[in-house]
Protein backbone atom coordinates (compact mmCIF):
# COMPACT_ATOMS: atom_id res chain seq x y z
CA MET A 1 99.88 89.04 77.90
CA GLU A 2 102.38 91.79 78.23
CA ASN A 3 103.10 94.11 80.95
CA PRO A 4 100.66 96.58 81.72
CA PHE A 5 103.02 99.37 81.71
CA LYS A 6 106.00 99.31 79.74
CA GLN A 7 107.14 102.24 81.24
CA SER A 8 111.30 103.26 80.54
CA GLY A 9 113.69 106.22 81.18
CA GLU A 10 112.22 108.63 83.11
CA ALA A 11 109.17 107.69 83.79
CA LEU A 12 111.16 104.09 85.56
CA HIS A 13 113.68 105.42 86.49
CA ARG A 14 111.32 107.67 88.63
CA ARG A 15 109.30 104.61 90.07
CA ALA A 16 111.99 103.66 91.19
CA GLN A 17 113.23 106.44 92.87
CA GLU A 18 109.54 106.82 94.10
CA ILE A 19 109.64 103.12 96.12
CA ARG A 20 112.51 103.96 97.92
CA LYS A 21 110.80 107.31 99.15
CA LYS A 22 108.35 104.69 100.44
CA ILE A 23 111.11 102.48 102.07
CA CYS A 24 112.69 104.61 103.25
CA VAL A 25 108.85 106.14 105.49
CA MET A 26 108.12 102.96 106.07
CA ASN A 27 110.64 101.50 107.45
CA SER A 28 111.03 105.16 109.91
CA ALA A 29 107.25 104.49 110.76
CA ALA A 30 108.21 101.20 111.83
CA LYS A 31 111.81 101.04 113.71
CA SER A 32 112.86 98.63 112.15
CA GLY A 33 113.68 96.35 108.27
CA HIS A 34 116.28 96.23 106.65
CA THR A 35 117.13 99.32 104.81
CA GLY A 36 119.49 99.07 102.61
CA GLY A 37 118.54 95.90 101.27
CA ASP A 38 115.22 97.11 100.03
CA MET A 39 116.88 100.17 99.18
CA SER A 40 119.91 98.16 96.25
CA GLU A 41 116.95 96.71 94.92
CA ALA A 42 114.39 98.86 94.27
CA ASP A 43 115.72 99.72 90.61
CA ILE A 44 115.58 95.45 90.03
CA LEU A 45 111.55 95.33 91.30
CA ALA A 46 110.65 98.52 88.94
CA ALA A 47 111.97 97.03 86.07
CA LEU A 48 110.23 93.67 86.52
CA TYR A 49 106.65 95.01 88.11
CA PHE A 50 106.35 98.29 85.15
CA HIS A 51 107.91 96.64 82.24
CA VAL A 52 109.09 93.31 82.35
CA LEU A 53 106.76 90.48 83.70
CA ARG A 54 103.91 89.60 81.71
CA TYR A 55 100.40 89.76 84.03
CA GLU A 56 97.24 91.58 83.55
CA VAL A 57 95.03 92.65 86.58
CA ASN A 58 91.37 92.01 86.19
CA ALA A 59 89.15 95.20 85.45
CA ASP A 60 87.17 94.46 88.45
CA GLN A 61 88.74 96.30 90.96
CA SER A 62 87.15 95.18 94.12
CA GLY A 63 89.74 92.08 94.71
CA ASN A 64 89.04 88.81 95.98
CA GLN A 65 88.06 88.31 100.08
CA ASN A 66 91.05 89.86 101.62
CA GLY A 67 90.39 93.65 99.03
CA ASN A 68 93.29 92.52 97.28
CA PRO A 69 92.71 93.89 93.18
CA SER A 70 92.85 90.35 91.98
CA VAL A 71 96.19 89.66 88.81
CA ASN A 72 96.79 87.16 86.57
CA TRP A 73 99.89 86.36 85.70
CA HIS A 74 101.93 84.71 83.22
CA ASP A 75 105.62 85.34 84.54
CA GLU A 76 106.07 84.42 87.88
CA PHE A 77 108.28 86.17 90.73
CA ILE A 78 109.78 85.13 93.68
CA LEU A 79 111.59 87.50 96.75
CA SER A 80 114.20 84.42 97.59
CA LYS A 81 115.99 86.84 99.55
CA GLY A 82 113.16 87.42 102.07
CA HIS A 83 113.83 90.28 104.50
CA GLY A 84 113.61 92.98 101.67
CA VAL A 85 109.79 92.85 101.85
CA GLY A 86 109.71 96.41 102.17
CA GLY A 87 110.88 96.75 98.66
CA LEU A 88 108.47 94.38 97.65
CA TYR A 89 105.84 96.27 99.01
CA SER A 90 107.19 99.60 98.65
CA CYS A 91 106.74 98.22 94.76
CA PHE A 92 103.26 97.83 95.67
CA ALA A 93 102.09 100.48 96.96
CA GLU A 94 103.71 101.98 93.86
CA LEU A 95 101.78 100.20 91.29
CA GLY A 96 98.49 101.34 93.33
CA TRP A 97 97.41 97.54 94.86
CA LEU A 98 98.41 98.88 98.59
CA GLU A 99 97.17 101.76 99.65
CA GLU A 100 100.10 103.98 101.44
CA ARG A 101 98.56 104.47 104.78
CA GLU A 102 99.01 100.53 104.64
CA LEU A 103 101.96 100.36 104.43
CA LEU A 104 103.04 102.16 108.13
CA SER A 105 101.43 98.65 109.72
CA TYR A 106 104.78 97.58 108.73
CA LEU A 107 106.00 95.30 111.33
CA ARG A 108 102.75 95.24 113.20
CA ASP A 109 101.18 92.31 115.15
CA ASP A 110 98.18 91.66 113.08
CA SER A 111 99.41 93.86 109.58
CA ARG A 112 99.64 92.59 106.03
CA LEU A 113 102.67 93.00 105.95
CA PRO A 114 105.00 90.84 107.71
CA GLY A 115 108.50 90.83 107.85
CA HIS A 116 109.24 87.87 105.03
CA PRO A 117 106.29 88.09 101.66
CA VAL A 118 103.68 85.79 103.01
CA ARG A 119 101.33 84.86 99.98
CA GLN A 120 98.33 83.64 103.15
CA LYS A 121 98.95 87.77 104.67
CA LEU A 122 97.94 88.90 100.24
CA PRO A 123 97.39 86.15 98.37
CA GLY A 124 97.15 86.09 94.34
CA TRP A 125 100.49 88.27 94.57
CA VAL A 126 102.99 86.93 96.98
CA THR A 127 104.10 83.40 94.92
CA VAL A 128 105.12 81.99 97.97
CA ASN A 129 106.12 82.20 101.40
CA THR A 130 110.58 83.20 101.52
CA GLY A 131 112.23 84.09 104.62
CA GLY A 132 114.77 81.63 105.19
CA LEU A 133 117.62 81.61 103.24
CA GLY A 134 118.82 79.75 100.30
CA HIS A 135 115.32 78.33 99.14
CA GLY A 136 113.55 80.42 96.74
CA LEU A 137 115.51 79.53 93.93
CA PRO A 138 115.48 75.91 94.32
CA ILE A 139 110.77 76.29 94.16
CA ALA A 140 111.51 79.21 91.20
CA ALA A 141 113.69 75.77 89.33
CA GLY A 142 110.38 73.50 89.68
CA LEU A 143 108.41 76.11 89.34
CA ALA A 144 109.77 76.96 85.46
CA MET A 145 109.84 73.01 84.98
CA ALA A 146 106.29 72.60 85.67
CA LYS A 147 105.57 75.94 83.22
CA GLN A 148 108.27 74.15 80.31
CA ARG A 149 106.23 70.47 80.69
CA HIS A 150 102.80 72.15 81.26
CA ALA A 151 103.26 74.79 77.83
CA ALA A 152 104.58 71.38 76.06
CA ARG A 153 101.54 69.56 76.87
CA THR A 154 99.22 72.15 75.50
CA GLU A 155 101.63 73.62 72.28
CA GLY A 156 101.21 76.63 74.58
CA ALA A 157 103.95 79.39 75.30
CA PRO A 158 105.73 79.47 79.21
CA GLY A 159 105.65 82.20 81.42
CA ARG A 160 108.69 82.94 82.71
CA VAL A 161 110.15 82.46 86.03
CA PHE A 162 111.73 84.69 87.94
CA VAL A 163 113.76 85.06 91.24
CA LEU A 164 115.51 87.75 93.08
CA THR A 165 118.14 86.88 95.86
CA GLY A 166 120.81 88.10 97.42
CA ASP A 167 124.15 87.48 97.07
CA GLY A 168 124.88 86.97 100.62
CA GLU A 169 122.06 84.43 99.93
CA LEU A 170 124.57 82.36 97.83
CA GLU A 171 126.47 81.05 100.02
CA GLU A 172 123.25 78.22 100.90
CA GLY A 173 124.57 75.51 99.21
CA SER A 174 120.64 74.53 98.01
CA ASN A 175 121.08 77.54 95.92
CA TRP A 176 123.99 75.42 94.27
CA GLU A 177 121.62 71.90 94.13
CA ALA A 178 119.31 74.07 92.15
CA ALA A 179 121.02 75.73 89.47
CA MET A 180 122.46 71.85 88.97
CA SER A 181 118.65 69.97 88.26
CA ALA A 182 118.36 73.58 87.20
CA ALA A 183 121.42 73.13 84.10
CA HIS A 184 120.16 69.09 83.86
CA PHE A 185 116.42 69.78 83.23
CA GLU A 186 117.27 72.75 80.65
CA VAL A 187 115.21 74.94 82.24
CA SER A 188 115.35 77.86 79.88
CA ASN A 189 111.89 79.99 81.48
CA LEU A 190 114.64 80.56 84.18
CA VAL A 191 116.23 83.75 85.12
CA ALA A 192 117.84 84.18 88.61
CA ILE A 193 118.68 87.62 89.48
CA VAL A 194 121.96 88.26 91.90
CA ASP A 195 121.09 91.68 93.94
CA ARG A 196 125.04 91.75 94.55
CA ASN A 197 125.72 94.76 96.89
CA ARG A 198 128.67 93.12 98.33
CA LEU A 199 126.64 93.69 101.70
CA GLN A 200 125.16 91.26 103.73
CA LEU A 201 124.82 91.48 107.48
CA ALA A 202 127.24 93.07 109.76
CA ASP A 203 129.80 93.22 106.38
CA PHE A 204 131.62 93.05 103.16
CA THR A 205 130.14 89.52 101.87
CA HIS A 206 134.39 88.90 100.72
CA ASN A 207 135.40 89.61 104.31
CA ILE A 208 132.76 86.53 105.16
CA MET A 209 132.40 84.41 102.25
CA ASP A 210 134.36 85.18 99.70
CA LEU A 211 131.69 84.31 96.20
CA ASP A 212 134.25 85.24 93.61
CA PRO A 213 134.21 84.54 90.50
CA LEU A 214 130.43 84.28 90.81
CA ASP A 215 130.20 84.06 86.91
CA GLU A 216 132.44 81.12 86.34
CA LYS A 217 130.63 79.30 89.30
CA PHE A 218 127.31 79.83 87.73
CA ARG A 219 129.11 79.04 84.25
CA ALA A 220 130.60 75.77 85.38
CA PHE A 221 126.90 75.20 86.96
CA GLY A 222 125.85 75.15 82.93
CA PHE A 223 124.06 78.55 83.05
CA GLU A 224 124.05 81.34 80.89
CA VAL A 225 125.41 84.33 82.48
CA HIS A 226 124.65 88.83 82.19
CA ASP A 227 125.94 90.56 84.63
CA VAL A 228 124.10 94.65 84.20
CA ASN A 229 123.95 97.31 86.58
CA GLY A 230 120.90 97.03 88.71
CA ASN A 231 121.10 99.90 89.88
CA ASP A 232 119.47 100.70 85.82
CA SER A 233 116.25 99.42 85.45
CA ASP A 234 116.35 100.85 81.68
CA ALA A 235 119.70 98.94 81.29
CA ILE A 236 117.54 95.52 83.39
CA TRP A 237 115.03 95.28 81.46
CA LYS A 238 116.90 95.40 77.70
CA LEU A 239 118.76 93.39 79.21
CA ILE A 240 115.87 90.59 80.13
CA GLU A 241 113.60 91.17 77.09
CA SER A 242 117.29 90.58 74.70
CA LEU A 243 117.44 86.75 76.45
CA ASP A 244 116.95 83.79 74.07
CA TYR A 245 114.14 81.70 76.14
CA LYS A 246 114.50 78.71 74.20
CA ASN A 247 118.10 77.70 74.54
CA ARG A 248 117.59 75.40 77.31
CA LYS A 249 120.18 77.03 79.52
CA PRO A 250 118.64 78.38 82.50
CA LYS A 251 119.66 81.77 83.31
CA VAL A 252 121.53 84.20 85.28
CA VAL A 253 121.57 87.88 85.78
CA ILE A 254 123.93 88.58 88.08
CA ALA A 255 123.12 92.37 88.44
CA HIS A 256 125.69 94.59 90.70
CA THR A 257 123.86 97.55 92.34
CA VAL A 258 124.69 99.49 96.31
CA LYS A 259 123.56 99.10 99.40
CA GLY A 260 121.31 101.78 100.70
CA ARG A 261 121.47 103.75 96.85
CA GLY A 262 120.08 106.26 96.42
CA VAL A 263 121.15 108.06 100.32
CA SER A 264 124.71 109.79 100.21
CA PHE A 265 124.89 108.06 103.97
CA MET A 266 123.53 104.70 103.55
CA GLU A 267 125.07 103.62 101.10
CA ASN A 268 128.36 100.84 100.87
CA VAL A 269 127.58 100.43 105.04
CA PRO A 270 127.09 97.79 106.78
CA ALA A 271 125.19 98.86 108.99
CA TRP A 272 122.34 99.99 106.79
CA HIS A 273 121.44 96.28 106.07
CA HIS A 274 119.62 96.08 109.25
CA LYS A 275 119.30 100.36 110.77
CA PHE A 276 116.24 101.91 110.38
CA PRO A 277 116.61 106.33 109.40
CA ASP A 278 115.41 108.73 112.14
CA GLU A 279 113.33 111.81 112.08
CA GLU A 280 115.95 113.31 110.18
CA GLN A 281 117.95 110.98 108.21
CA LEU A 282 114.23 110.87 106.63
CA LYS A 283 113.79 114.22 106.00
CA GLN A 284 117.77 113.91 104.09
CA ALA A 285 116.96 110.99 102.84
CA LEU A 286 113.60 112.38 101.15
CA LYS A 287 115.12 115.29 100.33
CA GLU A 288 118.36 113.33 98.02
CA LEU A 289 115.59 111.38 96.28
CA ASP A 290 113.53 113.78 95.18
CA HIS A 291 116.58 115.21 93.27
CA ALA A 292 118.01 113.00 92.04
């Protein structure tokens, strides 16, 4: 099984920009959302869904009982930084799985698009409910281990599990318990991606709880460690495809990103962690994203 798109270059860059435009429109309509973190992760999501993840969308587009196209996953993705779900919903819309008009229901009562991923709302697309920070990586480690053991019994190739965390989220101790166990059990099909935008909630991470040296921490826990420009989709997929998934080591990709990436007045501004564009700001944001 392969990724159905395998896009790269300018096509992949445009996917990320279109995801960002959808984020801005959606959060502006909702008058809420985590715009800064949604924007920083857009290139990572584009690289994963439009090049890396191996899955099939069933030819029968009637979908399941909730009206979703049915997807058969070989690889899995978990959004551990669940408050960044605006980026994920916008990615689903860019895939054509959600109609863009449904994005305007974000955060409304009875919407399928709540403020964190809920698998019961979008079954078959969302692997696990997330939002309480620090439990995405532990779940991903267990899921990757299960895939590895099932493949060993069936003599097949294990699917990979990708989990996107935030750097502020790594202050939660449960992540490090999961890292220790993933290394101990040699879960080599696990890839943790850190959205390293160096901002959390209301300030820079080094002012709240300094994570550096983050690479050395993961290396000490037994991970294979890689750094990448997290706002370069081509660099991301090329790195992920170069990894050795048989070397008995879990992987971490520290993706260096800019919070609010793509819109000048949002970039590296702490307030945009939990802020939405007003009407004039939305016009400016869409104009900048169209020409970048």
